[in-house]
Amino acid sequence: MSRSQKYYSEDEKLSFLREYHLSGMSKSSFCRAHGLCGNALLNKWLKKYGIEKGMLSLQSERVNDDMANRSKDSYKEENAQLRKRIRELEKALEFSRLETLSRDVMIDKAEEYFDIPIRKKSGARQP
């Protein structure tokens, strides 16, 4: 019993790769779940497109040709979603800044309490 070989378009391949990276699944379980013939195919695509985890965008990068036909409501909805996303990212950035600040304070206090340098000093090592 032989299987017929299925051909995938470039968009399908990139879509599979994007979904693979976002899923967090192993290659073999992803291939099984999506009916791909095996890890070799996924590895071939990863090698062909030179794609690493951070290189794929979360959304398709195709530009919609009917942008002029969009309604005002869809623009307002998209604008609201983007503003919400900006607020979320600003909160995450502020949290990250606070984390860094608290880590620095903790290191300063530890250096002061134990009287030892914890931070790595920049520059060349001197004898």
PDB file of N, CA and C in Angstrom:
ATOM      1  N   MET A   1       0.843  -1.178   0.000  1.00  0.00           N
ATOM      2  CA  MET A   1       0.000   0.000   0.000  1.00  0.00           C
ATOM      3  C   MET A   1       0.887   1.240   0.000  1.00  0.00           C
ATOM      4  N   SER A   2       0.874   1.986  -1.065  1.00  0.00           N
ATOM      5  CA  SER A   2       1.731   3.164  -1.146  1.00  0.00           C
ATOM      6  C   SER A   2       0.901   4.430  -0.959  1.00  0.00           C
ATOM      7  N   ARG A   3       1.527   5.387  -0.337  1.00  0.00           N
ATOM      8  CA  ARG A   3       0.869   6.674  -0.128  1.00  0.00           C
ATOM      9  C   ARG A   3       1.231   7.606  -1.264  1.00  0.00           C
ATOM     10  N   SER A   4       0.286   8.437  -1.652  1.00  0.00           N
ATOM     11  CA  SER A   4       0.619   9.438  -2.657  1.00  0.00           C
ATOM     12  C   SER A   4       1.278  10.613  -1.944  1.00  0.00           C
ATOM     13  N   GLN A   5       2.239  11.190  -2.622  1.00  0.00           N
ATOM     14  CA  GLN A   5       2.981  12.285  -2.014  1.00  0.00           C
ATOM     15  C   GLN A   5       2.174  13.569  -2.111  1.00  0.00           C
ATOM     16  N   LYS A   6       2.044  14.263  -0.996  1.00  0.00           N
ATOM     17  CA  LYS A   6       1.278  15.511  -0.965  1.00  0.00           C
ATOM     18  C   LYS A   6       2.244  16.680  -1.109  1.00  0.00           C
ATOM     19  N   TYR A   7       1.886  17.619  -1.926  1.00  0.00           N
ATOM     20  CA  TYR A   7       2.702  18.810  -2.114  1.00  0.00           C
ATOM     21  C   TYR A   7       2.058  19.982  -1.382  1.00  0.00           C
ATOM     22  N   TYR A   8       2.894  20.767  -0.730  1.00  0.00           N
ATOM     23  CA  TYR A   8       2.425  21.912   0.054  1.00  0.00           C
ATOM     24  C   TYR A   8       2.918  23.201  -0.583  1.00  0.00           C
ATOM     25  N   SER A   9       2.069  24.206  -0.604  1.00  0.00           N
ATOM     26  CA  SER A   9       2.475  25.510  -1.128  1.00  0.00           C
ATOM     27  C   SER A   9       3.401  26.183  -0.112  1.00  0.00           C
ATOM     28  N   GLU A  10       4.061  27.238  -0.547  1.00  0.00           N
ATOM     29  CA  GLU A  10       4.953  27.982   0.344  1.00  0.00           C
ATOM     30  C   GLU A  10       4.178  28.524   1.547  1.00  0.00           C
ATOM     31  N   ASP A  11       2.975  29.027   1.295  1.00  0.00           N
ATOM     32  CA  ASP A  11       2.149  29.566   2.387  1.00  0.00           C
ATOM     33  C   ASP A  11       1.794  28.482   3.390  1.00  0.00           C
ATOM     34  N   GLU A  12       1.462  27.285   2.883  1.00  0.00           N
ATOM     35  CA  GLU A  12       1.121  26.180   3.779  1.00  0.00           C
ATOM     36  C   GLU A  12       2.329  25.783   4.624  1.00  0.00           C
ATOM     37  N   LYS A  13       3.481  25.736   3.992  1.00  0.00           N
ATOM     38  CA  LYS A  13       4.705  25.362   4.721  1.00  0.00           C
ATOM     39  C   LYS A  13       4.996  26.366   5.834  1.00  0.00           C
ATOM     40  N   LEU A  14       4.937  27.651   5.489  1.00  0.00           N
ATOM     41  CA  LEU A  14       5.210  28.685   6.485  1.00  0.00           C
ATOM     42  C   LEU A  14       4.158  28.683   7.589  1.00  0.00           C
ATOM     43  N   SER A  15       2.925  28.396   7.204  1.00  0.00           N
ATOM     44  CA  SER A  15       1.861  28.316   8.196  1.00  0.00           C
ATOM     45  C   SER A  15       2.116  27.157   9.167  1.00  0.00           C
ATOM     46  N   PHE A  16       2.521  26.002   8.634  1.00  0.00           N
ATOM     47  CA  PHE A  16       2.861  24.860   9.486  1.00  0.00           C
ATOM     48  C   PHE A  16       4.023  25.204  10.413  1.00  0.00           C
ATOM     49  N   LEU A  17       5.047  25.866   9.879  1.00  0.00           N
ATOM     50  CA  LEU A  17       6.216  26.216  10.694  1.00  0.00           C
ATOM     51  C   LEU A  17       5.839  27.196  11.792  1.00  0.00           C
ATOM     52  N   ARG A  18       5.017  28.173  11.449  1.00  0.00           N
ATOM     53  CA  ARG A  18       4.576  29.158  12.441  1.00  0.00           C
ATOM     54  C   ARG A  18       3.789  28.458  13.548  1.00  0.00           C
ATOM     55  N   GLU A  19       2.891  27.580  13.125  1.00  0.00           N
ATOM     56  CA  GLU A  19       2.070  26.846  14.092  1.00  0.00           C
ATOM     57  C   GLU A  19       2.923  25.913  14.953  1.00  0.00           C
ATOM     58  N   TYR A  20       3.939  25.291  14.337  1.00  0.00           N
ATOM     59  CA  TYR A  20       4.833  24.397  15.088  1.00  0.00           C
ATOM     60  C   TYR A  20       5.547  25.165  16.193  1.00  0.00           C
ATOM     61  N   HIS A  21       6.087  26.329  15.858  1.00  0.00           N
ATOM     62  CA  HIS A  21       6.821  27.111  16.854  1.00  0.00           C
ATOM     63  C   HIS A  21       5.914  27.624  17.964  1.00  0.00           C
ATOM     64  N   LEU A  22       4.687  27.978  17.613  1.00  0.00           N
ATOM     65  CA  LEU A  22       3.765  28.484  18.619  1.00  0.00           C
ATOM     66  C   LEU A  22       3.193  27.372  19.495  1.00  0.00           C
ATOM     67  N   SER A  23       3.154  26.149  18.966  1.00  0.00           N
ATOM     68  CA  SER A  23       2.520  25.051  19.700  1.00  0.00           C
ATOM     69  C   SER A  23       3.354  24.553  20.866  1.00  0.00           C
ATOM     70  N   GLY A  24       4.683  24.600  20.745  1.00  0.00           N
ATOM     71  CA  GLY A  24       5.537  24.067  21.797  1.00  0.00           C
ATOM     72  C   GLY A  24       5.589  22.551  21.796  1.00  0.00           C
ATOM     73  N   MET A  25       5.028  21.924  20.781  1.00  0.00           N
ATOM     74  CA  MET A  25       5.008  20.467  20.693  1.00  0.00           C
ATOM     75  C   MET A  25       6.337  19.952  20.160  1.00  0.00           C
ATOM     76  N   SER A  26       6.589  18.660  20.379  1.00  0.00           N
ATOM     77  CA  SER A  26       7.769  18.052  19.780  1.00  0.00           C
ATOM     78  C   SER A  26       7.507  17.888  18.287  1.00  0.00           C
ATOM     79  N   LYS A  27       8.568  17.709  17.519  1.00  0.00           N
ATOM     80  CA  LYS A  27       8.412  17.579  16.072  1.00  0.00           C
ATOM     81  C   LYS A  27       7.549  16.375  15.722  1.00  0.00           C
ATOM     82  N   SER A  28       7.811  15.249  16.367  1.00  0.00           N
ATOM     83  CA  SER A  28       7.070  14.033  16.016  1.00  0.00           C
ATOM     84  C   SER A  28       5.592  14.157  16.378  1.00  0.00           C
ATOM     85  N   SER A  29       5.277  14.707  17.542  1.00  0.00           N
ATOM     86  CA  SER A  29       3.862  14.837  17.907  1.00  0.00           C
ATOM     87  C   SER A  29       3.161  15.869  17.028  1.00  0.00           C
ATOM     88  N   PHE A  30       3.868  16.931  16.644  1.00  0.00           N
ATOM     89  CA  PHE A  30       3.272  17.921  15.748  1.00  0.00           C
ATOM     90  C   PHE A  30       2.976  17.292  14.389  1.00  0.00           C
ATOM     91  N   CYS A  31       3.933  16.516  13.866  1.00  0.00           N
ATOM     92  CA  CYS A  31       3.734  15.869  12.563  1.00  0.00           C
ATOM     93  C   CYS A  31       2.556  14.896  12.612  1.00  0.00           C
ATOM     94  N   ARG A  32       2.460  14.119  13.688  1.00  0.00           N
ATOM     95  CA  ARG A  32       1.344  13.183  13.834  1.00  0.00           C
ATOM     96  C   ARG A  32       0.016  13.934  13.900  1.00  0.00           C
ATOM     97  N   ALA A  33      -0.025  15.007  14.674  1.00  0.00           N
ATOM     98  CA  ALA A  33      -1.269  15.752  14.871  1.00  0.00           C
ATOM     99  C   ALA A  33      -1.748  16.429  13.587  1.00  0.00           C
ATOM    100  N   HIS A  34      -0.810  16.789  12.717  1.00  0.00           N
ATOM    101  CA  HIS A  34      -1.182  17.523  11.509  1.00  0.00           C
ATOM    102  C   HIS A  34      -1.097  16.672  10.241  1.00  0.00           C
ATOM    103  N   GLY A  35      -0.855  15.387  10.407  1.00  0.00           N
ATOM    104  CA  GLY A  35      -0.852  14.484   9.259  1.00  0.00           C
ATOM    105  C   GLY A  35       0.338  14.645   8.338  1.00  0.00           C
ATOM    106  N   LEU A  36       1.427  15.183   8.848  1.00  0.00           N
ATOM    107  CA  LEU A  36       2.647  15.280   8.048  1.00  0.00           C
ATOM    108  C   LEU A  36       3.344  13.925   8.084  1.00  0.00           C
ATOM    109  N   CYS A  37       4.091  13.610   7.037  1.00  0.00           N
ATOM    110  CA  CYS A  37       4.640  12.254   6.929  1.00  0.00           C
ATOM    111  C   CYS A  37       5.747  11.964   7.941  1.00  0.00           C
ATOM    112  N   GLY A  38       6.372  12.962   8.513  1.00  0.00           N
ATOM    113  CA  GLY A  38       7.383  12.684   9.520  1.00  0.00           C
ATOM    114  C   GLY A  38       8.257  13.876   9.834  1.00  0.00           C
ATOM    115  N   ASN A  39       9.179  13.644  10.783  1.00  0.00           N
ATOM    116  CA  ASN A  39      10.076  14.704  11.228  1.00  0.00           C
ATOM    117  C   ASN A  39      10.969  15.211  10.104  1.00  0.00           C
ATOM    118  N   ALA A  40      11.328  14.321   9.192  1.00  0.00           N
ATOM    119  CA  ALA A  40      12.250  14.699   8.121  1.00  0.00           C
ATOM    120  C   ALA A  40      11.684  15.846   7.284  1.00  0.00           C
ATOM    121  N   LEU A  41      10.390  15.791   7.030  1.00  0.00           N
ATOM    122  CA  LEU A  41       9.758  16.852   6.238  1.00  0.00           C
ATOM    123  C   LEU A  41       9.809  18.186   6.977  1.00  0.00           C
ATOM    124  N   LEU A  42       9.483  18.150   8.259  1.00  0.00           N
ATOM    125  CA  LEU A  42       9.519  19.368   9.070  1.00  0.00           C
ATOM    126  C   LEU A  42      10.948  19.897   9.170  1.00  0.00           C
ATOM    127  N   ASN A  43      11.908  19.008   9.379  1.00  0.00           N
ATOM    128  CA  ASN A  43      13.318  19.418   9.430  1.00  0.00           C
ATOM    129  C   ASN A  43      13.764  20.030   8.109  1.00  0.00           C
ATOM    130  N   LYS A  44      13.305  19.456   7.002  1.00  0.00           N
ATOM    131  CA  LYS A  44      13.660  19.980   5.673  1.00  0.00           C
ATOM    132  C   LYS A  44      13.141  21.405   5.513  1.00  0.00           C
ATOM    133  N   TRP A  45      11.907  21.633   5.942  1.00  0.00           N
ATOM    134  CA  TRP A  45      11.329  22.982   5.845  1.00  0.00           C
ATOM    135  C   TRP A  45      12.063  23.955   6.759  1.00  0.00           C
ATOM    136  N   LEU A  46      12.370  23.517   7.965  1.00  0.00           N
ATOM    137  CA  LEU A  46      13.101  24.391   8.893  1.00  0.00           C
ATOM    138  C   LEU A  46      14.449  24.782   8.311  1.00  0.00           C
ATOM    139  N   LYS A  47      15.125  23.816   7.702  1.00  0.00           N
ATOM    140  CA  LYS A  47      16.442  24.088   7.110  1.00  0.00           C
ATOM    141  C   LYS A  47      16.303  24.981   5.877  1.00  0.00           C
ATOM    142  N   LYS A  48      15.310  24.683   5.037  1.00  0.00           N
ATOM    143  CA  LYS A  48      15.112  25.442   3.793  1.00  0.00           C
ATOM    144  C   LYS A  48      14.849  26.915   4.067  1.00  0.00           C
ATOM    145  N   TYR A  49      13.993  27.179   5.042  1.00  0.00           N
ATOM    146  CA  TYR A  49      13.616  28.561   5.309  1.00  0.00           C
ATOM    147  C   TYR A  49      14.508  29.203   6.364  1.00  0.00           C
ATOM    148  N   GLY A  50      15.434  28.443   6.944  1.00  0.00           N
ATOM    149  CA  GLY A  50      16.341  28.998   7.936  1.00  0.00           C
ATOM    150  C   GLY A  50      15.612  29.654   9.074  1.00  0.00           C
ATOM    151  N   ILE A  51      14.547  29.029   9.518  1.00  0.00           N
ATOM    152  CA  ILE A  51      13.676  29.650  10.502  1.00  0.00           C
ATOM    153  C   ILE A  51      14.024  29.189  11.896  1.00  0.00           C
ATOM    154  N   GLU A  52      14.174  30.166  12.784  1.00  0.00           N
ATOM    155  CA  GLU A  52      14.335  29.895  14.199  1.00  0.00           C
ATOM    156  C   GLU A  52      13.097  30.396  14.893  1.00  0.00           C
ATOM    157  N   LYS A  53      12.972  30.085  16.173  1.00  0.00           N
ATOM    158  CA  LYS A  53      11.737  30.389  16.903  1.00  0.00           C
ATOM    159  C   LYS A  53      11.294  31.835  16.789  1.00  0.00           C
ATOM    160  N   GLY A  54      12.179  32.786  16.946  1.00  0.00           N
ATOM    161  CA  GLY A  54      11.763  34.182  16.982  1.00  0.00           C
ATOM    162  C   GLY A  54      11.534  34.812  15.637  1.00  0.00           C
ATOM    163  N   MET A  55      11.848  34.129  14.554  1.00  0.00           N
ATOM    164  CA  MET A  55      11.794  34.754  13.249  1.00  0.00           C
ATOM    165  C   MET A  55      10.403  34.771  12.636  1.00  0.00           C
ATOM    166  N   LEU A  56       9.501  33.918  13.085  1.00  0.00           N
ATOM    167  CA  LEU A  56       8.172  33.883  12.513  1.00  0.00           C
ATOM    168  C   LEU A  56       7.280  34.899  13.206  1.00  0.00           C
ATOM    169  N   SER A  57       6.556  35.645  12.413  1.00  0.00           N
ATOM    170  CA  SER A  57       5.635  36.584  13.036  1.00  0.00           C
ATOM    171  C   SER A  57       4.414  35.819  13.510  1.00  0.00           C
ATOM    172  N   LEU A  58       3.696  36.398  14.433  1.00  0.00           N
ATOM    173  CA  LEU A  58       2.522  35.730  14.970  1.00  0.00           C
ATOM    174  C   LEU A  58       1.349  35.791  13.999  1.00  0.00           C
ATOM    175  N   GLN A  59       1.333  36.774  13.152  1.00  0.00           N
ATOM    176  CA  GLN A  59       0.251  36.896  12.198  1.00  0.00           C
ATOM    177  C   GLN A  59       0.821  36.746  10.802  1.00  0.00           C
ATOM    178  N   SER A  60      -0.034  36.406   9.884  1.00  0.00           N
ATOM    179  CA  SER A  60       0.392  36.290   8.502  1.00  0.00           C
ATOM    180  C   SER A  60       0.862  37.654   8.010  1.00  0.00           C
ATOM    181  N   GLU A  61       1.904  37.634   7.209  1.00  0.00           N
ATOM    182  CA  GLU A  61       2.467  38.896   6.758  1.00  0.00           C
ATOM    183  C   GLU A  61       1.925  39.315   5.395  1.00  0.00           C
ATOM    184  N   ARG A  62       0.930  38.615   4.927  1.00  0.00           N
ATOM    185  CA  ARG A  62       0.337  38.985   3.656  1.00  0.00           C
ATOM    186  C   ARG A  62      -0.501  40.245   3.829  1.00  0.00           C
ATOM    187  N   VAL A  63      -0.432  41.112   2.852  1.00  0.00           N
ATOM    188  CA  VAL A  63      -1.213  42.338   2.882  1.00  0.00           C
ATOM    189  C   VAL A  63      -2.533  42.059   2.179  1.00  0.00           C
ATOM    190  N   ASN A  64      -3.605  42.415   2.831  1.00  0.00           N
ATOM    191  CA  ASN A  64      -4.930  42.191   2.265  1.00  0.00           C
ATOM    192  C   ASN A  64      -5.173  43.210   1.157  1.00  0.00           C
ATOM    193  N   ASP A  65      -5.531  42.716  -0.050  1.00  0.00           N
ATOM    194  CA  ASP A  65      -5.710  43.595  -1.199  1.00  0.00           C
ATOM    195  C   ASP A  65      -6.969  44.452  -1.099  1.00  0.00           C
ATOM    196  N   ASP A  66      -7.950  44.028  -0.326  1.00  0.00           N
ATOM    197  CA  ASP A  66      -9.185  44.786  -0.249  1.00  0.00           C
ATOM    198  C   ASP A  66      -9.220  45.697   0.967  1.00  0.00           C
ATOM    199  N   MET A  67      -8.099  46.334   1.266  1.00  0.00           N
ATOM    200  CA  MET A  67      -8.019  47.241   2.412  1.00  0.00           C
ATOM    201  C   MET A  67      -8.997  48.408   2.233  1.00  0.00           C
ATOM    202  N   ALA A  68      -9.192  48.844   1.012  1.00  0.00           N
ATOM    203  CA  ALA A  68     -10.075  49.982   0.762  1.00  0.00           C
ATOM    204  C   ALA A  68     -11.531  49.612   1.019  1.00  0.00           C
ATOM    205  N   ASN A  69     -11.852  48.338   0.977  1.00  0.00           N
ATOM    206  CA  ASN A  69     -13.236  47.901   1.150  1.00  0.00           C
ATOM    207  C   ASN A  69     -13.596  47.650   2.615  1.00  0.00           C
ATOM    208  N   ARG A  70     -12.675  47.870   3.511  1.00  0.00           N
ATOM    209  CA  ARG A  70     -12.959  47.632   4.918  1.00  0.00           C
ATOM    210  C   ARG A  70     -13.891  48.702   5.466  1.00  0.00           C
ATOM    211  N   SER A  71     -14.701  48.303   6.414  1.00  0.00           N
ATOM    212  CA  SER A  71     -15.645  49.254   6.993  1.00  0.00           C
ATOM    213  C   SER A  71     -14.978  50.057   8.103  1.00  0.00           C
ATOM    214  N   LYS A  72     -15.631  51.144   8.451  1.00  0.00           N
ATOM    215  CA  LYS A  72     -15.130  51.998   9.520  1.00  0.00           C
ATOM    216  C   LYS A  72     -15.103  51.241  10.840  1.00  0.00           C
ATOM    217  N   ASP A  73     -16.098  50.390  11.040  1.00  0.00           N
ATOM    218  CA  ASP A  73     -16.182  49.605  12.271  1.00  0.00           C
ATOM    219  C   ASP A  73     -14.984  48.669  12.419  1.00  0.00           C
ATOM    220  N   SER A  74     -14.559  48.069  11.315  1.00  0.00           N
ATOM    221  CA  SER A  74     -13.418  47.156  11.410  1.00  0.00           C
ATOM    222  C   SER A  74     -12.139  47.922  11.763  1.00  0.00           C
ATOM    223  N   TYR A  75     -12.006  49.153  11.242  1.00  0.00           N
ATOM    224  CA  TYR A  75     -10.859  49.971  11.615  1.00  0.00           C
ATOM    225  C   TYR A  75     -10.908  50.332  13.098  1.00  0.00           C
ATOM    226  N   LYS A  76     -12.104  50.694  13.569  1.00  0.00           N
ATOM    227  CA  LYS A  76     -12.252  51.042  14.987  1.00  0.00           C
ATOM    228  C   LYS A  76     -11.949  49.848  15.875  1.00  0.00           C
ATOM    229  N   GLU A  77     -12.441  48.678  15.461  1.00  0.00           N
ATOM    230  CA  GLU A  77     -12.187  47.466  16.245  1.00  0.00           C
ATOM    231  C   GLU A  77     -10.694  47.133  16.270  1.00  0.00           C
ATOM    232  N   GLU A  78     -10.058  47.223  15.118  1.00  0.00           N
ATOM    233  CA  GLU A  78      -8.618  46.950  15.060  1.00  0.00           C
ATOM    234  C   GLU A  78      -7.843  47.952  15.903  1.00  0.00           C
ATOM    235  N   ASN A  79      -8.244  49.212  15.833  1.00  0.00           N
ATOM    236  CA  ASN A  79      -7.602  50.265  16.614  1.00  0.00           C
ATOM    237  C   ASN A  79      -7.739  49.989  18.110  1.00  0.00           C
ATOM    238  N   ALA A  80      -8.931  49.575  18.518  1.00  0.00           N
ATOM    239  CA  ALA A  80      -9.161  49.259  19.934  1.00  0.00           C
ATOM    240  C   ALA A  80      -8.304  48.078  20.377  1.00  0.00           C
ATOM    241  N   GLN A  81      -8.208  47.063  19.529  1.00  0.00           N
ATOM    242  CA  GLN A  81      -7.376  45.902  19.857  1.00  0.00           C
ATOM    243  C   GLN A  81      -5.906  46.291  19.970  1.00  0.00           C
ATOM    244  N   LEU A  82      -5.457  47.150  19.062  1.00  0.00           N
ATOM    245  CA  LEU A  82      -4.061  47.586  19.095  1.00  0.00           C
ATOM    246  C   LEU A  82      -3.781  48.421  20.344  1.00  0.00           C
ATOM    247  N   ARG A  83      -4.700  49.280  20.716  1.00  0.00           N
ATOM    248  CA  ARG A  83      -4.528  50.075  21.939  1.00  0.00           C
ATOM    249  C   ARG A  83      -4.477  49.176  23.172  1.00  0.00           C
ATOM    250  N   LYS A  84      -5.325  48.163  23.188  1.00  0.00           N
ATOM    251  CA  LYS A  84      -5.326  47.213  24.304  1.00  0.00           C
ATOM    252  C   LYS A  84      -3.988  46.482  24.364  1.00  0.00           C
ATOM    253  N   ARG A  85      -3.494  46.064  23.206  1.00  0.00           N
ATOM    254  CA  ARG A  85      -2.202  45.358  23.146  1.00  0.00           C
ATOM    255  C   ARG A  85      -1.070  46.264  23.615  1.00  0.00           C
ATOM    256  N   ILE A  86      -1.117  47.542  23.250  1.00  0.00           N
ATOM    257  CA  ILE A  86      -0.098  48.500  23.687  1.00  0.00           C
ATOM    258  C   ILE A  86      -0.117  48.624  25.203  1.00  0.00           C
ATOM    259  N   ARG A  87      -1.324  48.716  25.792  1.00  0.00           N
ATOM    260  CA  ARG A  87      -1.420  48.800  27.256  1.00  0.00           C
ATOM    261  C   ARG A  87      -0.832  47.560  27.919  1.00  0.00           C
ATOM    262  N   GLU A  88      -1.137  46.381  27.360  1.00  0.00           N
ATOM    263  CA  GLU A  88      -0.600  45.135  27.918  1.00  0.00           C
ATOM    264  C   GLU A  88       0.929  45.124  27.852  1.00  0.00           C
ATOM    265  N   LEU A  89       1.474  45.553  26.726  1.00  0.00           N
ATOM    266  CA  LEU A  89       2.935  45.567  26.559  1.00  0.00           C
ATOM    267  C   LEU A  89       3.584  46.597  27.477  1.00  0.00           C
ATOM    268  N   GLU A  90       2.924  47.745  27.663  1.00  0.00           N
ATOM    269  CA  GLU A  90       3.464  48.752  28.577  1.00  0.00           C
ATOM    270  C   GLU A  90       3.490  48.232  30.011  1.00  0.00           C
ATOM    271  N   LYS A  91       2.442  47.504  30.411  1.00  0.00           N
ATOM    272  CA  LYS A  91       2.423  46.905  31.749  1.00  0.00           C
ATOM    273  C   LYS A  91       3.537  45.873  31.893  1.00  0.00           C
ATOM    274  N   ALA A  92       3.732  45.054  30.864  1.00  0.00           N
ATOM    275  CA  ALA A  92       4.784  44.044  30.911  1.00  0.00           C
ATOM    276  C   ALA A  92       6.159  44.697  30.987  1.00  0.00           C
ATOM    277  N   LEU A  93       6.347  45.786  30.255  1.00  0.00           N
ATOM    278  CA  LEU A  93       7.617  46.506  30.295  1.00  0.00           C
ATOM    279  C   LEU A  93       7.859  47.101  31.675  1.00  0.00           C
ATOM    280  N   GLU A  94       6.841  47.698  32.256  1.00  0.00           N
ATOM    281  CA  GLU A  94       6.984  48.280  33.595  1.00  0.00           C
ATOM    282  C   GLU A  94       7.295  47.198  34.628  1.00  0.00           C
ATOM    283  N   PHE A  95       6.637  46.055  34.514  1.00  0.00           N
ATOM    284  CA  PHE A  95       6.915  44.938  35.419  1.00  0.00           C
ATOM    285  C   PHE A  95       8.362  44.488  35.268  1.00  0.00           C
ATOM    286  N   SER A  96       8.841  44.423  34.041  1.00  0.00           N
ATOM    287  CA  SER A  96      10.226  44.019  33.789  1.00  0.00           C
ATOM    288  C   SER A  96      11.204  45.025  34.395  1.00  0.00           C
ATOM    289  N   ARG A  97      10.886  46.310  34.270  1.00  0.00           N
ATOM    290  CA  ARG A  97      11.743  47.344  34.874  1.00  0.00           C
ATOM    291  C   ARG A  97      11.780  47.204  36.393  1.00  0.00           C
ATOM    292  N   LEU A  98      10.616  46.953  36.994  1.00  0.00           N
ATOM    293  CA  LEU A  98      10.560  46.771  38.449  1.00  0.00           C
ATOM    294  C   LEU A  98      11.339  45.527  38.880  1.00  0.00           C
ATOM    295  N   GLU A  99      11.240  44.470  38.088  1.00  0.00           N
ATOM    296  CA  GLU A  99      11.997  43.254  38.370  1.00  0.00           C
ATOM    297  C   GLU A  99      13.497  43.527  38.362  1.00  0.00           C
ATOM    298  N   THR A 100      13.950  44.241  37.359  1.00  0.00           N
ATOM    299  CA  THR A 100      15.367  44.577  37.248  1.00  0.00           C
ATOM    300  C   THR A 100      15.808  45.447  38.418  1.00  0.00           C
ATOM    301  N   LEU A 101      14.995  46.441  38.763  1.00  0.00           N
ATOM    302  CA  LEU A 101      15.306  47.317  39.880  1.00  0.00           C
ATOM    303  C   LEU A 101      15.393  46.529  41.186  1.00  0.00           C
ATOM    304  N   SER A 102      14.430  45.644  41.419  1.00  0.00           N
ATOM    305  CA  SER A 102      14.452  44.863  42.661  1.00  0.00           C
ATOM    306  C   SER A 102      15.650  43.916  42.700  1.00  0.00           C
ATOM    307  N   ARG A 103      16.011  43.364  41.557  1.00  0.00           N
ATOM    308  CA  ARG A 103      17.193  42.496  41.496  1.00  0.00           C
ATOM    309  C   ARG A 103      18.458  43.297  41.825  1.00  0.00           C
ATOM    310  N   ASP A 104      18.554  44.512  41.291  1.00  0.00           N
ATOM    311  CA  ASP A 104      19.719  45.358  41.570  1.00  0.00           C
ATOM    312  C   ASP A 104      19.797  45.730  43.055  1.00  0.00           C
ATOM    313  N   VAL A 105      18.651  46.048  43.640  1.00  0.00           N
ATOM    314  CA  VAL A 105      18.626  46.394  45.067  1.00  0.00           C
ATOM    315  C   VAL A 105      19.040  45.191  45.903  1.00  0.00           C
ATOM    316  N   MET A 106      18.541  44.016  45.538  1.00  0.00           N
ATOM    317  CA  MET A 106      18.888  42.798  46.270  1.00  0.00           C
ATOM    318  C   MET A 106      20.390  42.516  46.190  1.00  0.00           C
ATOM    319  N   ILE A 107      20.972  42.703  45.019  1.00  0.00           N
ATOM    320  CA  ILE A 107      22.415  42.487  44.863  1.00  0.00           C
ATOM    321  C   ILE A 107      23.189  43.521  45.671  1.00  0.00           C
ATOM    322  N   ASP A 108      22.753  44.787  45.616  1.00  0.00           N
ATOM    323  CA  ASP A 108      23.420  45.832  46.406  1.00  0.00           C
ATOM    324  C   ASP A 108      23.407  45.494  47.886  1.00  0.00           C
ATOM    325  N   LYS A 109      22.246  45.069  48.394  1.00  0.00           N
ATOM    326  CA  LYS A 109      22.133  44.726  49.819  1.00  0.00           C
ATOM    327  C   LYS A 109      22.996  43.511  50.170  1.00  0.00           C
ATOM    328  N   ALA A 110      23.042  42.528  49.297  1.00  0.00           N
ATOM    329  CA  ALA A 110      23.863  41.346  49.551  1.00  0.00           C
ATOM    330  C   ALA A 110      25.345  41.705  49.561  1.00  0.00           C
ATOM    331  N   GLU A 111      25.761  42.577  48.629  1.00  0.00           N
ATOM    332  CA  GLU A 111      27.170  43.014  48.603  1.00  0.00           C
ATOM    333  C   GLU A 111      27.511  43.771  49.877  1.00  0.00           C
ATOM    334  N   GLU A 112      26.583  44.602  50.317  1.00  0.00           N
ATOM    335  CA  GLU A 112      26.800  45.389  51.532  1.00  0.00           C
ATOM    336  C   GLU A 112      26.838  44.483  52.776  1.00  0.00           C
ATOM    337  N   TYR A 113      25.915  43.553  52.869  1.00  0.00           N
ATOM    338  CA  TYR A 113      25.804  42.684  54.041  1.00  0.00           C
ATOM    339  C   TYR A 113      26.975  41.714  54.154  1.00  0.00           C
ATOM    340  N   PHE A 114      27.322  41.063  53.037  1.00  0.00           N
ATOM    341  CA  PHE A 114      28.391  40.066  53.067  1.00  0.00           C
ATOM    342  C   PHE A 114      29.773  40.657  52.787  1.00  0.00           C
ATOM    343  N   ASP A 115      29.800  41.920  52.394  1.00  0.00           N
ATOM    344  CA  ASP A 115      31.040  42.624  52.107  1.00  0.00           C
ATOM    345  C   ASP A 115      31.884  41.891  51.053  1.00  0.00           C
ATOM    346  N   ILE A 116      31.216  41.430  49.996  1.00  0.00           N
ATOM    347  CA  ILE A 116      31.906  40.798  48.864  1.00  0.00           C
ATOM    348  C   ILE A 116      31.307  41.339  47.571  1.00  0.00           C
ATOM    349  N   PRO A 117      32.143  41.465  46.537  1.00  0.00           N
ATOM    350  CA  PRO A 117      31.597  41.916  45.246  1.00  0.00           C
ATOM    351  C   PRO A 117      30.872  40.764  44.544  1.00  0.00           C
ATOM    352  N   ILE A 118      29.643  40.991  44.160  1.00  0.00           N
ATOM    353  CA  ILE A 118      28.852  39.960  43.483  1.00  0.00           C
ATOM    354  C   ILE A 118      28.801  40.217  41.979  1.00  0.00           C
ATOM    355  N   ARG A 119      28.654  41.462  41.614  1.00  0.00           N
ATOM    356  CA  ARG A 119      28.580  41.795  40.184  1.00  0.00           C
ATOM    357  C   ARG A 119      29.934  41.611  39.527  1.00  0.00           C
ATOM    358  N   LYS A 120      29.883  41.168  38.287  1.00  0.00           N
ATOM    359  CA  LYS A 120      31.093  40.992  37.514  1.00  0.00           C
ATOM    360  C   LYS A 120      31.570  42.370  37.072  1.00  0.00           C
ATOM    361  N   LYS A 121      32.810  42.646  37.295  1.00  0.00           N
ATOM    362  CA  LYS A 121      33.376  43.924  36.909  1.00  0.00           C
ATOM    363  C   LYS A 121      33.771  43.881  35.444  1.00  0.00           C
ATOM    364  N   SER A 122      33.532  44.976  34.741  1.00  0.00           N
ATOM    365  CA  SER A 122      33.903  45.019  33.323  1.00  0.00           C
ATOM    366  C   SER A 122      35.368  45.335  33.178  1.00  0.00           C
ATOM    367  N   GLY A 123      35.908  45.031  32.030  1.00  0.00           N
ATOM    368  CA  GLY A 123      37.319  45.319  31.764  1.00  0.00           C
ATOM    369  C   GLY A 123      38.169  44.072  31.870  1.00  0.00           C
ATOM    370  N   ALA A 124      39.453  44.241  31.534  1.00  0.00           N
ATOM    371  CA  ALA A 124      40.382  43.121  31.543  1.00  0.00           C
ATOM    372  C   ALA A 124      40.795  42.791  32.970  1.00  0.00           C
ATOM    373  N   ARG A 125      41.106  41.530  33.182  1.00  0.00           N
ATOM    374  CA  ARG A 125      41.545  41.073  34.487  1.00  0.00           C
ATOM    375  C   ARG A 125      42.975  41.558  34.756  1.00  0.00           C
ATOM    376  N   GLN A 126      43.220  42.059  35.932  1.00  0.00           N
ATOM    377  CA  GLN A 126      44.550  42.567  36.274  1.00  0.00           C
ATOM    378  C   GLN A 126      45.131  41.710  37.383  1.00  0.00           C
ATOM    379  N   PRO A 127      46.435  41.350  37.286  1.00  0.00           N
ATOM    380  CA  PRO A 127      47.043  40.499  38.320  1.00  0.00           C
ATOM    381  C   PRO A 127      47.250  41.187  39.631  1.00  0.00           C
TER     382      PRO A 127
END
